[in-house]
Amino acid sequence: MTLATRNLPPSGLVSASRALVQNLEGAGDQKSEFWKHRIKPYIHNVWPKQLNKKTFNMDAISENFCRLCIAADDEFPEALELLRPWLKPSKYPDNLIQELLRVNICLKFPEAALIYLNCIVGENPFWIRSHLQECLNVIQTTNPKLTFDENFQNLSILVRKLDN
């Protein structure tokens, strides 16, 4: 499987990353086990460690891995740690932020959620509704100390700037 994955064309790796998300989302009550015994070993042992960023559609792979972090649910902090090198700011992060709220990641893992938000929200996102502020509010309520974190402060400034 390692050789097959490494020989995939760029579109194949995008499809493979999408399939990982779909499989984990479809794992139901077994998400944690599926993450630990299938997805994590695959990413760790099989997924290419480096890609030619000029050749590969890094935006699509990053978007899929952003979704994979959220799909990991209770394994979110571990998924974030493993997938973080692949995450980059999304042009349209609002859907990811909304999903983060829907599955209560900000409430369960406020520190990891803040790191995740910092990874996916760039300096000039095209579209952010109130979901980012809502995430920050949940993080602040759950762990008030995080309001002093540089990531929290930068995201708060961005929200204020976008509101004007």
C-alpha atoms as a PDB file:
ATOM      1  CA  MET A   1       0.000   0.000   0.000  1.00  0.00           C
ATOM      2  CA  THR A   2       2.895   2.339   0.707  1.00  0.00           C
ATOM      3  CA  LEU A   3       4.254   2.103  -2.812  1.00  0.00           C
ATOM      4  CA  ALA A   4       0.786   2.431  -4.331  1.00  0.00           C
ATOM      5  CA  THR A   5       0.074   5.599  -2.369  1.00  0.00           C
ATOM      6  CA  ARG A   6       3.450   7.109  -3.174  1.00  0.00           C
ATOM      7  CA  ASN A   7       2.894   6.457  -6.889  1.00  0.00           C
ATOM      8  CA  LEU A   8      -0.492   8.147  -6.989  1.00  0.00           C
ATOM      9  CA  PRO A   9      -0.759  11.170  -9.264  1.00  0.00           C
ATOM     10  CA  PRO A  10      -1.740  14.467  -7.610  1.00  0.00           C
ATOM     11  CA  SER A  11      -5.438  13.890  -8.268  1.00  0.00           C
ATOM     12  CA  GLY A  12      -5.121  10.434  -6.708  1.00  0.00           C
ATOM     13  CA  LEU A  13      -3.777  11.849  -3.454  1.00  0.00           C
ATOM     14  CA  VAL A  14      -6.608  14.368  -3.356  1.00  0.00           C
ATOM     15  CA  SER A  15      -9.050  11.485  -3.852  1.00  0.00           C
ATOM     16  CA  ALA A  16      -7.257   9.412  -1.209  1.00  0.00           C
ATOM     17  CA  SER A  17      -7.436  12.258   1.322  1.00  0.00           C
ATOM     18  CA  ARG A  18     -11.149  12.690   0.533  1.00  0.00           C
ATOM     19  CA  ALA A  19     -11.706   8.937   0.991  1.00  0.00           C
ATOM     20  CA  LEU A  20     -10.060   9.096   4.428  1.00  0.00           C
ATOM     21  CA  VAL A  21     -12.546  11.781   5.472  1.00  0.00           C
ATOM     22  CA  GLN A  22     -15.523   9.872   4.090  1.00  0.00           C
ATOM     23  CA  ASN A  23     -14.458   6.653   5.790  1.00  0.00           C
ATOM     24  CA  LEU A  24     -13.919   8.318   9.147  1.00  0.00           C
ATOM     25  CA  GLU A  25     -17.184  10.268   8.916  1.00  0.00           C
ATOM     26  CA  GLY A  26     -18.960   6.998   8.136  1.00  0.00           C
ATOM     27  CA  ALA A  27     -17.435   5.124  11.077  1.00  0.00           C
ATOM     28  CA  GLY A  28     -20.265   6.148  13.412  1.00  0.00           C
ATOM     29  CA  ASP A  29     -19.665   5.102  17.014  1.00  0.00           C
ATOM     30  CA  GLN A  30     -16.382   3.496  15.983  1.00  0.00           C
ATOM     31  CA  LYS A  31     -14.687   6.781  14.970  1.00  0.00           C
ATOM     32  CA  SER A  32     -12.129   6.662  17.735  1.00  0.00           C
ATOM     33  CA  GLU A  33     -11.114   3.078  16.981  1.00  0.00           C
ATOM     34  CA  PHE A  34     -11.124   3.713  13.236  1.00  0.00           C
ATOM     35  CA  TRP A  35      -8.886   6.747  13.757  1.00  0.00           C
ATOM     36  CA  LYS A  36      -6.449   4.864  16.024  1.00  0.00           C
ATOM     37  CA  HIS A  37      -6.215   1.652  14.018  1.00  0.00           C
ATOM     38  CA  ARG A  38      -6.769   2.714  10.417  1.00  0.00           C
ATOM     39  CA  ILE A  39      -6.391   6.403   9.646  1.00  0.00           C
ATOM     40  CA  LYS A  40      -3.551   7.329  12.014  1.00  0.00           C
ATOM     41  CA  PRO A  41      -1.298   4.406  10.957  1.00  0.00           C
ATOM     42  CA  TYR A  42      -2.030   5.136   7.309  1.00  0.00           C
ATOM     43  CA  ILE A  43      -1.083   8.802   7.646  1.00  0.00           C
ATOM     44  CA  HIS A  44       1.921   8.025   9.815  1.00  0.00           C
ATOM     45  CA  ASN A  45       3.332   5.065   7.839  1.00  0.00           C
ATOM     46  CA  VAL A  46       2.007   5.332   4.292  1.00  0.00           C
ATOM     47  CA  TRP A  47       1.082   8.905   3.397  1.00  0.00           C
ATOM     48  CA  PRO A  48       3.960  10.725   1.644  1.00  0.00           C
ATOM     49  CA  LYS A  49       5.881  12.930   4.043  1.00  0.00           C
ATOM     50  CA  GLN A  50       6.686  15.564   1.432  1.00  0.00           C
ATOM     51  CA  LEU A  51       5.044  16.563  -1.798  1.00  0.00           C
ATOM     52  CA  ASN A  52       6.194  18.843  -4.570  1.00  0.00           C
ATOM     53  CA  LYS A  53       3.978  21.794  -3.708  1.00  0.00           C
ATOM     54  CA  LYS A  54       4.095  23.079  -7.280  1.00  0.00           C
ATOM     55  CA  THR A  55       2.711  19.813  -8.619  1.00  0.00           C
ATOM     56  CA  PHE A  56       0.132  18.880  -6.030  1.00  0.00           C
ATOM     57  CA  ASN A  57      -3.157  20.552  -5.240  1.00  0.00           C
ATOM     58  CA  MET A  58      -2.202  21.410  -1.689  1.00  0.00           C
ATOM     59  CA  ASP A  59      -5.396  23.426  -1.153  1.00  0.00           C
ATOM     60  CA  ALA A  60      -7.594  20.378  -1.738  1.00  0.00           C
ATOM     61  CA  ILE A  61      -5.441  18.089   0.399  1.00  0.00           C
ATOM     62  CA  SER A  62      -5.336  20.679   3.187  1.00  0.00           C
ATOM     63  CA  GLU A  63      -9.120  21.132   3.034  1.00  0.00           C
ATOM     64  CA  ASN A  64      -9.623  17.369   3.276  1.00  0.00           C
ATOM     65  CA  PHE A  65      -7.209  17.082   6.186  1.00  0.00           C
ATOM     66  CA  CYS A  66      -8.976  19.989   7.932  1.00  0.00           C
ATOM     67  CA  ARG A  67     -12.181  17.988   7.617  1.00  0.00           C
ATOM     68  CA  LEU A  68     -10.382  14.833   8.761  1.00  0.00           C
ATOM     69  CA  CYS A  69      -9.348  16.569  12.004  1.00  0.00           C
ATOM     70  CA  ILE A  70     -12.958  17.448  12.724  1.00  0.00           C
ATOM     71  CA  ALA A  71     -14.192  13.982  11.766  1.00  0.00           C
ATOM     72  CA  ALA A  72     -11.742  12.502  14.298  1.00  0.00           C
ATOM     73  CA  ASP A  73     -14.022  14.004  16.977  1.00  0.00           C
ATOM     74  CA  ASP A  74     -12.720  12.759  20.355  1.00  0.00           C
ATOM     75  CA  GLU A  75      -9.323  12.174  18.762  1.00  0.00           C
ATOM     76  CA  PHE A  76      -9.227  15.768  17.493  1.00  0.00           C
ATOM     77  CA  PRO A  77      -6.084  16.861  19.403  1.00  0.00           C
ATOM     78  CA  GLU A  78      -4.141  13.849  18.153  1.00  0.00           C
ATOM     79  CA  ALA A  79      -5.421  14.299  14.599  1.00  0.00           C
ATOM     80  CA  LEU A  80      -4.484  17.969  14.682  1.00  0.00           C
ATOM     81  CA  GLU A  81      -0.983  17.163  15.887  1.00  0.00           C
ATOM     82  CA  LEU A  82      -0.471  14.582  13.125  1.00  0.00           C
ATOM     83  CA  LEU A  83      -2.087  16.558  10.298  1.00  0.00           C
ATOM     84  CA  ARG A  84      -0.998  20.064  11.268  1.00  0.00           C
ATOM     85  CA  PRO A  85       1.913  20.188   8.793  1.00  0.00           C
ATOM     86  CA  TRP A  86      -0.632  19.744   5.999  1.00  0.00           C
ATOM     87  CA  LEU A  87      -3.092  22.393   7.184  1.00  0.00           C
ATOM     88  CA  LYS A  88      -3.029  25.809   5.607  1.00  0.00           C
ATOM     89  CA  PRO A  89      -5.375  28.771   5.590  1.00  0.00           C
ATOM     90  CA  SER A  90      -8.583  28.135   3.717  1.00  0.00           C
ATOM     91  CA  LYS A  91     -10.007  30.737   1.371  1.00  0.00           C
ATOM     92  CA  TYR A  92     -13.433  29.939   2.760  1.00  0.00           C
ATOM     93  CA  PRO A  93     -12.933  28.713   6.345  1.00  0.00           C
ATOM     94  CA  ASP A  94     -16.500  29.380   7.487  1.00  0.00           C
ATOM     95  CA  ASN A  95     -17.838  25.887   6.709  1.00  0.00           C
ATOM     96  CA  LEU A  96     -14.960  24.313   8.644  1.00  0.00           C
ATOM     97  CA  ILE A  97     -15.538  26.678  11.565  1.00  0.00           C
ATOM     98  CA  GLN A  98     -19.267  25.963  11.544  1.00  0.00           C
ATOM     99  CA  GLU A  99     -18.580  22.208  11.607  1.00  0.00           C
ATOM    100  CA  LEU A 100     -16.107  22.701  14.467  1.00  0.00           C
ATOM    101  CA  LEU A 101     -18.913  24.321  16.446  1.00  0.00           C
ATOM    102  CA  ARG A 102     -21.469  21.691  15.460  1.00  0.00           C
ATOM    103  CA  VAL A 103     -19.421  18.838  16.933  1.00  0.00           C
ATOM    104  CA  ASN A 104     -18.435  20.864  20.039  1.00  0.00           C
ATOM    105  CA  ILE A 105     -14.681  20.748  19.435  1.00  0.00           C
ATOM    106  CA  CYS A 106     -14.237  24.275  20.853  1.00  0.00           C
ATOM    107  CA  LEU A 107     -15.963  23.167  24.039  1.00  0.00           C
ATOM    108  CA  LYS A 108     -14.192  19.794  24.383  1.00  0.00           C
ATOM    109  CA  PHE A 109     -10.714  20.883  23.288  1.00  0.00           C
ATOM    110  CA  PRO A 110     -10.434  24.686  23.476  1.00  0.00           C
ATOM    111  CA  GLU A 111      -6.643  24.834  23.220  1.00  0.00           C
ATOM    112  CA  ALA A 112      -6.486  22.473  20.237  1.00  0.00           C
ATOM    113  CA  ALA A 113      -9.424  24.275  18.632  1.00  0.00           C
ATOM    114  CA  LEU A 114      -7.551  27.569  18.916  1.00  0.00           C
ATOM    115  CA  ILE A 115      -4.484  26.071  17.246  1.00  0.00           C
ATOM    116  CA  TYR A 116      -6.700  24.637  14.506  1.00  0.00           C
ATOM    117  CA  LEU A 117      -8.436  27.977  13.931  1.00  0.00           C
ATOM    118  CA  ASN A 118      -5.078  29.688  13.670  1.00  0.00           C
ATOM    119  CA  CYS A 119      -4.048  27.148  11.013  1.00  0.00           C
ATOM    120  CA  ILE A 120      -7.151  27.469   8.845  1.00  0.00           C
ATOM    121  CA  VAL A 121      -7.989  31.177   9.111  1.00  0.00           C
ATOM    122  CA  GLY A 122      -5.617  33.296   7.094  1.00  0.00           C
ATOM    123  CA  GLU A 123      -5.078  37.016   7.351  1.00  0.00           C
ATOM    124  CA  ASN A 124      -7.555  37.799   4.568  1.00  0.00           C
ATOM    125  CA  PRO A 125     -10.254  35.131   4.374  1.00  0.00           C
ATOM    126  CA  PHE A 126     -12.857  35.735   1.682  1.00  0.00           C
ATOM    127  CA  TRP A 127     -15.769  34.742   3.862  1.00  0.00           C
ATOM    128  CA  ILE A 128     -16.302  34.491   7.599  1.00  0.00           C
ATOM    129  CA  ARG A 129     -19.648  34.903   9.282  1.00  0.00           C
ATOM    130  CA  SER A 130     -20.209  35.065  12.999  1.00  0.00           C
ATOM    131  CA  HIS A 131     -19.012  31.485  13.464  1.00  0.00           C
ATOM    132  CA  LEU A 132     -15.437  32.522  14.216  1.00  0.00           C
ATOM    133  CA  GLN A 133     -16.586  34.878  16.971  1.00  0.00           C
ATOM    134  CA  GLU A 134     -18.845  32.137  18.274  1.00  0.00           C
ATOM    135  CA  CYS A 135     -15.868  29.736  18.461  1.00  0.00           C
ATOM    136  CA  LEU A 136     -13.802  32.341  20.265  1.00  0.00           C
ATOM    137  CA  ASN A 137     -16.644  32.918  22.732  1.00  0.00           C
ATOM    138  CA  VAL A 138     -16.855  29.183  23.504  1.00  0.00           C
ATOM    139  CA  ILE A 139     -13.078  28.955  23.900  1.00  0.00           C
ATOM    140  CA  GLN A 140     -13.049  32.007  26.192  1.00  0.00           C
ATOM    141  CA  THR A 141     -15.857  30.613  28.337  1.00  0.00           C
ATOM    142  CA  THR A 142     -14.310  27.151  28.535  1.00  0.00           C
ATOM    143  CA  ASN A 143     -10.741  28.275  29.206  1.00  0.00           C
ATOM    144  CA  PRO A 144     -10.474  32.013  29.988  1.00  0.00           C
ATOM    145  CA  LYS A 145      -6.660  31.827  30.164  1.00  0.00           C
ATOM    146  CA  LEU A 146      -6.576  31.269  26.410  1.00  0.00           C
ATOM    147  CA  THR A 147      -7.736  34.852  25.839  1.00  0.00           C
ATOM    148  CA  PHE A 148      -4.135  35.857  26.530  1.00  0.00           C
ATOM    149  CA  ASP A 149      -2.841  33.497  23.851  1.00  0.00           C
ATOM    150  CA  GLU A 150      -1.417  35.273  20.815  1.00  0.00           C
ATOM    151  CA  ASN A 151      -3.537  33.155  18.456  1.00  0.00           C
ATOM    152  CA  PHE A 152      -6.709  34.113  20.325  1.00  0.00           C
ATOM    153  CA  GLN A 153      -5.807  37.789  20.256  1.00  0.00           C
ATOM    154  CA  ASN A 154      -4.930  37.725  16.540  1.00  0.00           C
ATOM    155  CA  LEU A 155      -8.194  35.978  15.655  1.00  0.00           C
ATOM    156  CA  SER A 156     -10.155  38.456  17.804  1.00  0.00           C
ATOM    157  CA  ILE A 157      -8.514  41.367  15.983  1.00  0.00           C
ATOM    158  CA  LEU A 158      -9.389  39.754  12.654  1.00  0.00           C
ATOM    159  CA  VAL A 159     -13.034  39.367  13.676  1.00  0.00           C
ATOM    160  CA  ARG A 160     -13.198  43.037  14.723  1.00  0.00           C
ATOM    161  CA  LYS A 161     -11.534  44.103  11.478  1.00  0.00           C
ATOM    162  CA  LEU A 162     -13.994  42.071   9.403  1.00  0.00           C
ATOM    163  CA  ASP A 163     -16.959  43.485  11.332  1.00  0.00           C
ATOM    164  CA  ASN A 164     -16.010  47.034  10.317  1.00  0.00           C
END
